Each structure stands twice: as structure tokens, then as C-alpha cells.
Amino acid sequence: MNYNIRGENVEVTNAIKEYVEKKIGKLERYFDTPPTSDVNVNISVYNDEQQIEVTIPMTNLLLRAEVQHIDLYAAIDLVVDKLERQIRKHKTKVNRKFRQQGSPKHVFAELEKEAMEQREAEENYNDEIEIVRTKQFDLKPMDSEEAILQMDMLGHAFFVFENAENGFTNVVYRRRDGRYGLIEPS
């Protein structure tokens, strides 16, 4: 596995890198051949709380886990536990599905092979941006507080509205820290 470890508001030392690689490397025991996937690890510190996000994209499977904890090393252990549960759950589901269809014994080895073929196909594919859905709606004039209430009521992460004070189109959004942001045109 190729590790991409980034730190946000924290310096990623060699000790942290080695610990992350050692712990996440244990996930390889679930595969017949070591996966060649990229492992994206984002370590951040917010208000004395460590947060670790791990994303491992594979064919037919995206392993992703996020944990917040006071201790960074405990957070790493917890995120690896989450990833192991995801792998076991997916492996059980896939094996059950293929057993019913008389599938081959080594499902994950084939998934990894398909991932390699898909990556090669995507590299050769023309990089076009495809819009898969378009929405239209009327912008109601309101202030940012009302827009936040509307956004929360709908359960969305952002909300587009017309600012009643200046008539411009604005966007409110929920930040990772739980507070809100406002985007205005200049």
C-alpha cells in the first residue's frame, strides 16, 4: 500500500508515520495479495482533540473511517478497528453473494485485479466532467440566520439563498467544527 499521510494543525513526525503504517499495514492480512491501493491519512487537531481520517479506495469498495479522540495513538487504533469491521462486513457480504452464485474462492484477489484494470482504463479515458443532475429552485430573500435554520431543517450541509439586505446570492454551510460559514460575492 502507498501511504499519503498529511497533518493539519499538527506536524507528522516519523514516529507517527511509522505507527500509522504499522497499524494500517495489519489490514493486509485480510487480502490474498497485498493491495496496491493508495492509503490517504489526514491527521488534524481541533481544540485539543485529535482527528484521524483514513480513506482506502478500492474497486467495488471504499474503506473510509474517521475518529476523534484526545490521544492520537488511541485514535489511530480506533480507526483501524473501524476499517477492520468494514472489511469483515464487506468480505462476508461478498462471499455470501458469490457462494450463492458458485463464486471463486479468492474474491478479494479478483477485486484487486479489477481495480488495476479499472485504473488503467480510467487513465486512458478522456477526462471529461459530466453533470449527472441539475436542480432549479427559486431563491427566497432571507437573512443568514433564517438560511441556517432552513438548512438544518432540510438536513443539508449547505443552503443557497438571496440575501435580503443586499440582494446578492449567498451560501451558508456547516463547517467540520459544527459552526457555520457564509459565502458572499465580492
N, C-alpha and C. Protein backbone atom coordinates (compact mmCIF):
# COMPACT_ATOMS: atom_id res chain seq x y z
N MET A 1 0.84 -1.18 0.00
CA MET A 1 0.00 0.00 0.00
C MET A 1 0.89 1.24 0.00
N ASN A 2 0.44 2.25 -0.71
CA ASN A 2 1.16 3.52 -0.76
C ASN A 2 0.51 4.48 0.22
N TYR A 3 1.28 5.01 1.16
CA TYR A 3 0.73 5.86 2.21
C TYR A 3 0.91 7.33 1.87
N ASN A 4 -0.16 8.08 2.03
CA ASN A 4 -0.15 9.53 1.86
C ASN A 4 -0.65 10.11 3.18
N ILE A 5 0.28 10.53 4.04
CA ILE A 5 -0.08 10.98 5.38
C ILE A 5 0.11 12.49 5.46
N ARG A 6 -1.00 13.19 5.79
CA ARG A 6 -0.97 14.65 5.89
C ARG A 6 -1.35 15.06 7.29
N GLY A 7 -0.80 16.18 7.72
CA GLY A 7 -1.14 16.72 9.03
C GLY A 7 -1.73 18.10 8.89
N GLU A 8 -2.78 18.36 9.65
CA GLU A 8 -3.43 19.67 9.66
C GLU A 8 -3.39 20.18 11.09
N ASN A 9 -2.72 21.27 11.32
CA ASN A 9 -2.50 21.84 12.65
C ASN A 9 -1.65 20.93 13.53
N VAL A 10 -0.93 20.01 12.92
CA VAL A 10 -0.05 19.11 13.66
C VAL A 10 1.08 18.68 12.72
N GLU A 11 2.28 18.54 13.28
CA GLU A 11 3.41 18.07 12.48
C GLU A 11 3.43 16.55 12.52
N VAL A 12 3.49 15.93 11.36
CA VAL A 12 3.52 14.47 11.27
C VAL A 12 4.98 14.03 11.38
N THR A 13 5.32 13.51 12.55
CA THR A 13 6.69 13.07 12.80
C THR A 13 6.89 11.66 12.24
N ASN A 14 8.17 11.23 12.21
CA ASN A 14 8.47 9.88 11.73
C ASN A 14 7.83 8.83 12.62
N ALA A 15 7.76 9.09 13.93
CA ALA A 15 7.14 8.13 14.85
C ALA A 15 5.66 7.95 14.53
N ILE A 16 4.98 9.05 14.24
CA ILE A 16 3.55 8.97 13.89
C ILE A 16 3.38 8.23 12.57
N LYS A 17 4.23 8.56 11.57
CA LYS A 17 4.15 7.87 10.28
C LYS A 17 4.35 6.37 10.43
N GLU A 18 5.38 5.98 11.20
CA GLU A 18 5.68 4.57 11.38
C GLU A 18 4.52 3.86 12.09
N TYR A 19 3.93 4.52 13.09
CA TYR A 19 2.83 3.90 13.82
C TYR A 19 1.61 3.71 12.92
N VAL A 20 1.30 4.74 12.13
CA VAL A 20 0.16 4.65 11.20
C VAL A 20 0.39 3.55 10.19
N GLU A 21 1.59 3.51 9.59
CA GLU A 21 1.88 2.49 8.58
C GLU A 21 1.86 1.09 9.18
N LYS A 22 2.36 0.94 10.41
CA LYS A 22 2.38 -0.36 11.08
C LYS A 22 0.94 -0.83 11.35
N LYS A 23 0.10 0.05 11.89
CA LYS A 23 -1.26 -0.34 12.24
C LYS A 23 -2.12 -0.59 11.00
N ILE A 24 -2.07 0.31 10.03
CA ILE A 24 -2.87 0.13 8.82
C ILE A 24 -2.33 -1.02 7.98
N GLY A 25 -1.03 -1.25 8.06
CA GLY A 25 -0.42 -2.37 7.34
C GLY A 25 -0.96 -3.72 7.79
N LYS A 26 -1.47 -3.79 9.02
CA LYS A 26 -2.05 -5.05 9.52
C LYS A 26 -3.32 -5.43 8.76
N LEU A 27 -3.92 -4.46 8.07
CA LEU A 27 -5.12 -4.76 7.29
C LEU A 27 -4.82 -5.66 6.10
N GLU A 28 -3.54 -5.73 5.70
CA GLU A 28 -3.16 -6.54 4.55
C GLU A 28 -3.44 -8.02 4.78
N ARG A 29 -3.56 -8.45 6.04
CA ARG A 29 -3.81 -9.87 6.32
C ARG A 29 -5.18 -10.32 5.81
N TYR A 30 -6.06 -9.36 5.52
CA TYR A 30 -7.38 -9.69 5.02
C TYR A 30 -7.39 -9.95 3.51
N PHE A 31 -6.26 -9.76 2.85
CA PHE A 31 -6.19 -9.90 1.40
C PHE A 31 -5.22 -11.02 1.03
N ASP A 32 -5.52 -11.73 -0.05
CA ASP A 32 -4.65 -12.80 -0.51
C ASP A 32 -3.32 -12.24 -1.01
N THR A 33 -3.39 -11.16 -1.75
CA THR A 33 -2.18 -10.46 -2.19
C THR A 33 -2.25 -9.05 -1.64
N PRO A 34 -1.11 -8.48 -1.24
CA PRO A 34 -1.14 -7.13 -0.68
C PRO A 34 -1.75 -6.14 -1.67
N PRO A 35 -2.74 -5.35 -1.25
CA PRO A 35 -3.36 -4.40 -2.17
C PRO A 35 -2.39 -3.29 -2.56
N THR A 36 -2.58 -2.78 -3.77
CA THR A 36 -1.71 -1.70 -4.25
C THR A 36 -2.41 -0.36 -4.15
N SER A 37 -3.43 -0.28 -3.35
CA SER A 37 -4.22 0.95 -3.23
C SER A 37 -3.42 2.03 -2.51
N ASP A 38 -3.81 3.27 -2.76
CA ASP A 38 -3.27 4.39 -2.02
C ASP A 38 -4.04 4.49 -0.71
N VAL A 39 -3.32 4.78 0.36
CA VAL A 39 -3.95 4.97 1.67
C VAL A 39 -3.80 6.45 2.00
N ASN A 40 -4.93 7.17 2.03
CA ASN A 40 -4.91 8.59 2.35
C ASN A 40 -5.25 8.77 3.82
N VAL A 41 -4.31 9.34 4.58
CA VAL A 41 -4.48 9.55 6.01
C VAL A 41 -4.37 11.04 6.27
N ASN A 42 -5.39 11.60 6.92
CA ASN A 42 -5.38 13.02 7.28
C ASN A 42 -5.48 13.11 8.79
N ILE A 43 -4.45 13.66 9.42
CA ILE A 43 -4.42 13.82 10.87
C ILE A 43 -4.57 15.30 11.16
N SER A 44 -5.50 15.64 12.05
CA SER A 44 -5.71 17.05 12.37
C SER A 44 -5.99 17.21 13.86
N VAL A 45 -5.77 18.43 14.33
CA VAL A 45 -6.02 18.77 15.73
C VAL A 45 -6.96 19.95 15.77
N TYR A 46 -8.09 19.78 16.47
CA TYR A 46 -9.05 20.85 16.67
C TYR A 46 -9.35 20.92 18.16
N ASN A 47 -9.05 22.05 18.77
CA ASN A 47 -9.38 22.28 20.19
C ASN A 47 -8.91 21.13 21.07
N ASP A 48 -7.66 20.76 20.99
CA ASP A 48 -7.04 19.70 21.79
C ASP A 48 -7.65 18.33 21.55
N GLU A 49 -8.35 18.14 20.44
CA GLU A 49 -8.90 16.83 20.10
C GLU A 49 -8.27 16.39 18.79
N GLN A 50 -7.72 15.19 18.80
CA GLN A 50 -7.05 14.64 17.62
C GLN A 50 -8.10 14.00 16.73
N GLN A 51 -7.97 14.21 15.45
CA GLN A 51 -8.89 13.58 14.50
C GLN A 51 -8.07 12.91 13.42
N ILE A 52 -8.45 11.68 13.09
CA ILE A 52 -7.77 10.96 12.02
C ILE A 52 -8.80 10.46 11.04
N GLU A 53 -8.55 10.69 9.76
CA GLU A 53 -9.41 10.21 8.68
C GLU A 53 -8.56 9.33 7.78
N VAL A 54 -9.06 8.13 7.50
CA VAL A 54 -8.34 7.20 6.62
C VAL A 54 -9.28 6.82 5.48
N THR A 55 -8.77 6.94 4.25
CA THR A 55 -9.54 6.55 3.07
C THR A 55 -8.68 5.62 2.23
N ILE A 56 -9.25 4.45 1.91
CA ILE A 56 -8.56 3.48 1.06
C ILE A 56 -9.50 3.13 -0.09
N PRO A 57 -9.32 3.78 -1.25
CA PRO A 57 -10.20 3.48 -2.39
C PRO A 57 -9.77 2.19 -3.08
N MET A 58 -10.76 1.30 -3.27
CA MET A 58 -10.53 0.05 -3.99
C MET A 58 -11.71 -0.17 -4.93
N THR A 59 -11.60 -1.14 -5.82
CA THR A 59 -12.70 -1.45 -6.72
C THR A 59 -13.85 -2.05 -5.93
N ASN A 60 -15.04 -1.56 -6.18
CA ASN A 60 -16.25 -2.04 -5.51
C ASN A 60 -16.24 -1.84 -4.01
N LEU A 61 -15.28 -1.12 -3.48
CA LEU A 61 -15.18 -0.95 -2.05
C LEU A 61 -14.39 0.32 -1.74
N LEU A 62 -14.97 1.17 -0.93
CA LEU A 62 -14.25 2.34 -0.44
C LEU A 62 -14.20 2.21 1.07
N LEU A 63 -12.99 1.97 1.56
CA LEU A 63 -12.81 1.89 3.01
C LEU A 63 -12.55 3.30 3.52
N ARG A 64 -13.39 3.75 4.45
CA ARG A 64 -13.23 5.09 4.99
C ARG A 64 -13.66 5.08 6.44
N ALA A 65 -12.81 5.65 7.29
CA ALA A 65 -13.15 5.74 8.71
C ALA A 65 -12.60 7.05 9.25
N GLU A 66 -13.30 7.58 10.23
CA GLU A 66 -12.93 8.86 10.84
C GLU A 66 -13.17 8.73 12.34
N VAL A 67 -12.17 9.13 13.14
CA VAL A 67 -12.27 9.03 14.59
C VAL A 67 -11.70 10.29 15.23
N GLN A 68 -12.37 10.74 16.28
CA GLN A 68 -11.86 11.85 17.09
C GLN A 68 -11.59 11.32 18.49
N HIS A 69 -10.44 11.69 19.05
CA HIS A 69 -10.08 11.23 20.39
C HIS A 69 -9.07 12.21 20.97
N ILE A 70 -8.92 12.18 22.26
CA ILE A 70 -7.96 13.07 22.93
C ILE A 70 -6.53 12.64 22.63
N ASP A 71 -6.31 11.32 22.55
CA ASP A 71 -4.98 10.76 22.29
C ASP A 71 -4.88 10.32 20.83
N LEU A 72 -3.84 10.78 20.14
CA LEU A 72 -3.67 10.48 18.72
C LEU A 72 -3.48 8.98 18.48
N TYR A 73 -2.65 8.35 19.30
CA TYR A 73 -2.37 6.93 19.10
C TYR A 73 -3.62 6.09 19.36
N ALA A 74 -4.42 6.46 20.33
CA ALA A 74 -5.69 5.76 20.57
C ALA A 74 -6.63 5.96 19.38
N ALA A 75 -6.63 7.17 18.80
CA ALA A 75 -7.47 7.44 17.63
C ALA A 75 -7.04 6.56 16.46
N ILE A 76 -5.74 6.37 16.28
CA ILE A 76 -5.24 5.51 15.20
C ILE A 76 -5.72 4.07 15.41
N ASP A 77 -5.62 3.58 16.66
CA ASP A 77 -6.09 2.23 16.96
C ASP A 77 -7.58 2.08 16.67
N LEU A 78 -8.37 3.08 17.07
CA LEU A 78 -9.82 3.02 16.87
C LEU A 78 -10.18 3.05 15.39
N VAL A 79 -9.46 3.86 14.61
CA VAL A 79 -9.77 3.95 13.18
C VAL A 79 -9.42 2.64 12.47
N VAL A 80 -8.36 1.96 12.91
CA VAL A 80 -8.01 0.67 12.32
C VAL A 80 -9.08 -0.37 12.67
N ASP A 81 -9.59 -0.31 13.91
CA ASP A 81 -10.68 -1.22 14.29
C ASP A 81 -11.90 -1.01 13.40
N LYS A 82 -12.24 0.25 13.13
CA LYS A 82 -13.39 0.54 12.25
C LYS A 82 -13.15 -0.03 10.86
N LEU A 83 -11.95 0.17 10.34
CA LEU A 83 -11.64 -0.34 8.99
C LEU A 83 -11.71 -1.86 8.95
N GLU A 84 -11.22 -2.53 10.00
CA GLU A 84 -11.30 -3.99 10.05
C GLU A 84 -12.75 -4.47 10.03
N ARG A 85 -13.62 -3.78 10.79
CA ARG A 85 -15.03 -4.15 10.79
C ARG A 85 -15.64 -4.00 9.40
N GLN A 86 -15.27 -2.90 8.71
CA GLN A 86 -15.79 -2.68 7.35
C GLN A 86 -15.33 -3.79 6.41
N ILE A 87 -14.07 -4.17 6.51
CA ILE A 87 -13.54 -5.21 5.62
C ILE A 87 -14.24 -6.53 5.89
N ARG A 88 -14.36 -6.91 7.18
CA ARG A 88 -15.03 -8.17 7.52
C ARG A 88 -16.48 -8.18 7.05
N LYS A 89 -17.16 -7.06 7.24
CA LYS A 89 -18.56 -6.96 6.82
C LYS A 89 -18.67 -7.13 5.31
N HIS A 90 -17.82 -6.41 4.58
CA HIS A 90 -17.87 -6.48 3.12
C HIS A 90 -17.47 -7.87 2.63
N LYS A 91 -16.44 -8.44 3.24
CA LYS A 91 -15.97 -9.75 2.82
C LYS A 91 -17.05 -10.80 3.04
N THR A 92 -17.75 -10.72 4.16
CA THR A 92 -18.84 -11.66 4.45
C THR A 92 -19.95 -11.48 3.42
N LYS A 93 -20.30 -10.23 3.15
CA LYS A 93 -21.38 -9.94 2.20
C LYS A 93 -21.02 -10.44 0.80
N VAL A 94 -19.80 -10.16 0.36
CA VAL A 94 -19.37 -10.57 -0.98
C VAL A 94 -19.27 -12.08 -1.07
N ASN A 95 -18.70 -12.72 -0.04
CA ASN A 95 -18.57 -14.17 -0.07
C ASN A 95 -19.93 -14.85 -0.09
N ARG A 96 -20.88 -14.32 0.68
CA ARG A 96 -22.23 -14.89 0.69
C ARG A 96 -22.85 -14.76 -0.70
N LYS A 97 -22.68 -13.60 -1.30
CA LYS A 97 -23.26 -13.35 -2.63
C LYS A 97 -22.66 -14.31 -3.66
N PHE A 98 -21.34 -14.45 -3.64
CA PHE A 98 -20.69 -15.29 -4.64
C PHE A 98 -20.88 -16.78 -4.35
N ARG A 99 -21.01 -17.15 -3.07
CA ARG A 99 -21.28 -18.54 -2.72
C ARG A 99 -22.62 -18.97 -3.31
N GLN A 100 -23.58 -18.04 -3.26
CA GLN A 100 -24.89 -18.35 -3.81
C GLN A 100 -24.81 -18.51 -5.33
N GLN A 101 -23.84 -17.86 -5.94
CA GLN A 101 -23.69 -17.94 -7.40
C GLN A 101 -22.59 -18.93 -7.80
N GLY A 102 -21.99 -19.64 -6.81
CA GLY A 102 -20.90 -20.56 -7.10
C GLY A 102 -19.64 -19.82 -7.48
N SER A 103 -19.21 -18.88 -6.65
CA SER A 103 -18.12 -17.99 -6.98
C SER A 103 -16.74 -18.58 -6.68
N PRO A 104 -15.69 -17.94 -7.17
CA PRO A 104 -14.34 -18.38 -6.86
C PRO A 104 -14.01 -18.16 -5.38
N LYS A 105 -12.96 -18.84 -4.95
CA LYS A 105 -12.61 -18.83 -3.53
C LYS A 105 -12.00 -17.49 -3.10
N HIS A 106 -11.22 -16.88 -3.93
CA HIS A 106 -10.46 -15.69 -3.53
C HIS A 106 -11.09 -14.43 -4.14
N VAL A 107 -12.13 -13.94 -3.52
CA VAL A 107 -12.89 -12.82 -4.06
C VAL A 107 -12.07 -11.53 -4.04
N PHE A 108 -11.38 -11.27 -2.94
CA PHE A 108 -10.66 -10.02 -2.84
C PHE A 108 -9.50 -9.93 -3.82
N ALA A 109 -8.87 -11.05 -4.15
CA ALA A 109 -7.79 -11.03 -5.14
C ALA A 109 -8.34 -10.58 -6.49
N GLU A 110 -9.54 -11.06 -6.82
CA GLU A 110 -10.15 -10.65 -8.08
C GLU A 110 -10.57 -9.19 -8.05
N LEU A 111 -11.07 -8.74 -6.88
CA LEU A 111 -11.44 -7.32 -6.77
C LEU A 111 -10.23 -6.44 -7.00
N GLU A 112 -9.10 -6.84 -6.47
CA GLU A 112 -7.88 -6.05 -6.63
C GLU A 112 -7.44 -6.05 -8.10
N LYS A 113 -7.59 -7.19 -8.77
CA LYS A 113 -7.23 -7.27 -10.19
C LYS A 113 -8.14 -6.36 -11.01
N GLU A 114 -9.43 -6.36 -10.68
CA GLU A 114 -10.36 -5.47 -11.36
C GLU A 114 -10.02 -4.01 -11.11
N ALA A 115 -9.55 -3.72 -9.90
CA ALA A 115 -9.16 -2.34 -9.58
C ALA A 115 -8.02 -1.87 -10.48
N MET A 116 -7.06 -2.75 -10.68
CA MET A 116 -5.92 -2.40 -11.54
C MET A 116 -6.40 -2.15 -12.97
N GLU A 117 -7.28 -3.01 -13.47
CA GLU A 117 -7.79 -2.84 -14.83
C GLU A 117 -8.61 -1.56 -14.96
N GLN A 118 -9.40 -1.28 -13.94
CA GLN A 118 -10.23 -0.07 -13.97
C GLN A 118 -9.36 1.18 -13.93
N ARG A 119 -8.30 1.15 -13.10
CA ARG A 119 -7.39 2.31 -13.04
C ARG A 119 -6.74 2.56 -14.39
N GLU A 120 -6.31 1.49 -15.05
CA GLU A 120 -5.70 1.65 -16.37
C GLU A 120 -6.71 2.19 -17.37
N ALA A 121 -7.94 1.72 -17.29
CA ALA A 121 -8.97 2.20 -18.21
C ALA A 121 -9.28 3.66 -17.95
N GLU A 122 -9.30 4.06 -16.68
CA GLU A 122 -9.58 5.46 -16.36
C GLU A 122 -8.46 6.38 -16.81
N GLU A 123 -7.22 5.89 -16.75
CA GLU A 123 -6.10 6.71 -17.21
C GLU A 123 -6.19 6.95 -18.72
N ASN A 124 -6.68 5.97 -19.42
CA ASN A 124 -6.79 6.09 -20.87
C ASN A 124 -8.06 6.83 -21.29
N TYR A 125 -9.00 6.97 -20.39
CA TYR A 125 -10.28 7.60 -20.69
C TYR A 125 -10.12 9.11 -20.76
N ASN A 126 -10.85 9.74 -21.65
CA ASN A 126 -10.81 11.20 -21.79
C ASN A 126 -11.36 11.84 -20.52
N ASP A 127 -10.63 12.80 -19.96
CA ASP A 127 -11.03 13.45 -18.70
C ASP A 127 -12.11 14.48 -18.95
N GLU A 128 -13.36 14.01 -19.05
CA GLU A 128 -14.48 14.91 -19.22
C GLU A 128 -15.24 15.02 -17.91
N ILE A 129 -15.75 16.21 -17.64
CA ILE A 129 -16.58 16.42 -16.46
C ILE A 129 -18.03 16.21 -16.89
N GLU A 130 -18.72 15.35 -16.16
CA GLU A 130 -20.08 15.02 -16.52
C GLU A 130 -21.02 15.48 -15.41
N ILE A 131 -21.98 16.28 -15.77
CA ILE A 131 -23.00 16.71 -14.82
C ILE A 131 -24.12 15.70 -14.88
N VAL A 132 -24.40 15.06 -13.73
CA VAL A 132 -25.38 13.99 -13.72
C VAL A 132 -26.75 14.43 -13.22
N ARG A 133 -26.84 15.62 -12.64
CA ARG A 133 -28.13 16.10 -12.16
C ARG A 133 -28.12 17.62 -12.12
N THR A 134 -29.24 18.21 -12.50
CA THR A 134 -29.41 19.66 -12.45
C THR A 134 -30.66 19.97 -11.66
N LYS A 135 -30.54 20.92 -10.75
CA LYS A 135 -31.69 21.33 -9.95
C LYS A 135 -31.96 22.80 -10.18
N GLN A 136 -33.22 23.17 -10.16
CA GLN A 136 -33.60 24.57 -10.25
C GLN A 136 -34.53 24.88 -9.09
N PHE A 137 -34.36 26.05 -8.51
CA PHE A 137 -35.23 26.45 -7.41
C PHE A 137 -35.23 27.96 -7.31
N ASP A 138 -36.29 28.49 -6.70
CA ASP A 138 -36.41 29.93 -6.50
C ASP A 138 -35.65 30.34 -5.25
N LEU A 139 -34.91 31.43 -5.36
CA LEU A 139 -34.19 31.95 -4.22
C LEU A 139 -35.09 32.91 -3.46
N LYS A 140 -35.35 32.58 -2.20
CA LYS A 140 -36.17 33.45 -1.37
C LYS A 140 -35.27 34.46 -0.67
N PRO A 141 -35.69 35.72 -0.62
CA PRO A 141 -34.91 36.69 0.16
C PRO A 141 -35.02 36.36 1.65
N MET A 142 -33.89 36.25 2.33
CA MET A 142 -33.87 35.98 3.77
C MET A 142 -32.51 36.38 4.32
N ASP A 143 -32.41 36.44 5.64
CA ASP A 143 -31.12 36.73 6.25
C ASP A 143 -30.39 35.41 6.50
N SER A 144 -29.12 35.49 6.89
CA SER A 144 -28.29 34.28 7.03
C SER A 144 -28.79 33.38 8.16
N GLU A 145 -29.36 33.95 9.21
CA GLU A 145 -29.87 33.12 10.31
C GLU A 145 -31.04 32.25 9.84
N GLU A 146 -31.94 32.83 9.07
CA GLU A 146 -33.07 32.07 8.55
C GLU A 146 -32.58 30.99 7.58
N ALA A 147 -31.55 31.31 6.79
CA ALA A 147 -31.00 30.33 5.86
C ALA A 147 -30.39 29.15 6.62
N ILE A 148 -29.72 29.42 7.75
CA ILE A 148 -29.14 28.34 8.56
C ILE A 148 -30.26 27.47 9.12
N LEU A 149 -31.34 28.09 9.58
CA LEU A 149 -32.47 27.32 10.09
C LEU A 149 -33.08 26.45 9.00
N GLN A 150 -33.22 26.99 7.80
CA GLN A 150 -33.75 26.22 6.67
C GLN A 150 -32.83 25.04 6.34
N MET A 151 -31.52 25.30 6.33
CA MET A 151 -30.54 24.27 6.02
C MET A 151 -30.63 23.14 7.05
N ASP A 152 -30.68 23.50 8.34
CA ASP A 152 -30.77 22.49 9.39
C ASP A 152 -32.08 21.71 9.30
N MET A 153 -33.16 22.40 8.97
CA MET A 153 -34.45 21.75 8.87
C MET A 153 -34.45 20.72 7.73
N LEU A 154 -33.77 21.04 6.63
CA LEU A 154 -33.70 20.13 5.49
C LEU A 154 -32.65 19.03 5.69
N GLY A 155 -31.72 19.25 6.64
CA GLY A 155 -30.67 18.27 6.88
C GLY A 155 -29.55 18.33 5.85
N HIS A 156 -29.39 19.49 5.20
CA HIS A 156 -28.33 19.64 4.20
C HIS A 156 -27.06 20.21 4.83
N ALA A 157 -25.96 20.12 4.09
CA ALA A 157 -24.69 20.67 4.56
C ALA A 157 -24.49 22.11 4.08
N PHE A 158 -25.30 22.56 3.12
CA PHE A 158 -25.20 23.94 2.65
C PHE A 158 -26.59 24.39 2.19
N PHE A 159 -26.74 25.72 2.01
CA PHE A 159 -28.02 26.26 1.58
C PHE A 159 -27.76 27.54 0.80
N VAL A 160 -28.35 27.65 -0.40
CA VAL A 160 -28.20 28.82 -1.26
C VAL A 160 -29.44 29.70 -1.08
N PHE A 161 -29.22 31.02 -0.91
CA PHE A 161 -30.34 31.93 -0.69
C PHE A 161 -29.98 33.32 -1.20
N GLU A 162 -31.01 34.17 -1.35
CA GLU A 162 -30.81 35.57 -1.72
C GLU A 162 -30.78 36.38 -0.43
N ASN A 163 -29.69 37.12 -0.24
CA ASN A 163 -29.54 37.93 0.96
C ASN A 163 -30.53 39.09 0.91
N ALA A 164 -31.41 39.18 1.90
CA ALA A 164 -32.46 40.20 1.93
C ALA A 164 -31.86 41.60 2.09
N GLU A 165 -30.68 41.69 2.69
CA GLU A 165 -30.06 43.00 2.94
C GLU A 165 -29.47 43.62 1.68
N ASN A 166 -28.77 42.80 0.88
CA ASN A 166 -28.07 43.37 -0.28
C ASN A 166 -28.52 42.78 -1.62
N GLY A 167 -29.37 41.75 -1.63
CA GLY A 167 -29.90 41.19 -2.87
C GLY A 167 -28.96 40.23 -3.58
N PHE A 168 -27.76 39.96 -3.03
CA PHE A 168 -26.81 39.04 -3.64
C PHE A 168 -27.15 37.59 -3.27
N THR A 169 -26.70 36.68 -4.13
CA THR A 169 -26.84 35.27 -3.84
C THR A 169 -25.73 34.87 -2.88
N ASN A 170 -26.09 34.22 -1.76
CA ASN A 170 -25.14 33.79 -0.74
C ASN A 170 -25.32 32.30 -0.48
N VAL A 171 -24.33 31.73 0.18
CA VAL A 171 -24.37 30.33 0.58
C VAL A 171 -23.96 30.23 2.04
N VAL A 172 -24.76 29.52 2.85
CA VAL A 172 -24.34 29.18 4.20
C VAL A 172 -24.01 27.69 4.20
N TYR A 173 -23.03 27.30 5.02
CA TYR A 173 -22.63 25.90 5.08
C TYR A 173 -22.19 25.54 6.50
N ARG A 174 -22.28 24.25 6.78
CA ARG A 174 -21.86 23.74 8.09
C ARG A 174 -20.40 23.34 8.00
N ARG A 175 -19.60 23.84 8.92
CA ARG A 175 -18.19 23.53 8.97
C ARG A 175 -17.95 22.24 9.74
N ARG A 176 -16.77 21.68 9.62
CA ARG A 176 -16.44 20.44 10.32
C ARG A 176 -16.50 20.61 11.84
N ASP A 177 -16.20 21.81 12.31
CA ASP A 177 -16.20 22.03 13.76
C ASP A 177 -17.61 22.27 14.31
N GLY A 178 -18.64 22.16 13.46
CA GLY A 178 -20.02 22.30 13.90
C GLY A 178 -20.57 23.70 13.80
N ARG A 179 -19.70 24.67 13.53
CA ARG A 179 -20.18 26.05 13.36
C ARG A 179 -20.57 26.25 11.91
N TYR A 180 -20.91 27.50 11.55
CA TYR A 180 -21.41 27.78 10.21
C TYR A 180 -20.53 28.78 9.50
N GLY A 181 -20.53 28.70 8.17
CA GLY A 181 -19.81 29.64 7.32
C GLY A 181 -20.76 30.29 6.35
N LEU A 182 -20.36 31.47 5.84
CA LEU A 182 -21.17 32.22 4.88
C LEU A 182 -20.28 32.58 3.71
N ILE A 183 -20.75 32.31 2.49
CA ILE A 183 -20.01 32.67 1.27
C ILE A 183 -20.80 33.78 0.59
N GLU A 184 -20.10 34.92 0.37
CA GLU A 184 -20.71 36.09 -0.28
C GLU A 184 -19.88 36.46 -1.50
N PRO A 185 -20.50 37.01 -2.54
CA PRO A 185 -19.72 37.51 -3.67
C PRO A 185 -19.00 38.79 -3.29
N SER A 186 -17.86 39.02 -3.91
CA SER A 186 -17.10 40.25 -3.57
C SER A 186 -17.55 41.42 -4.40
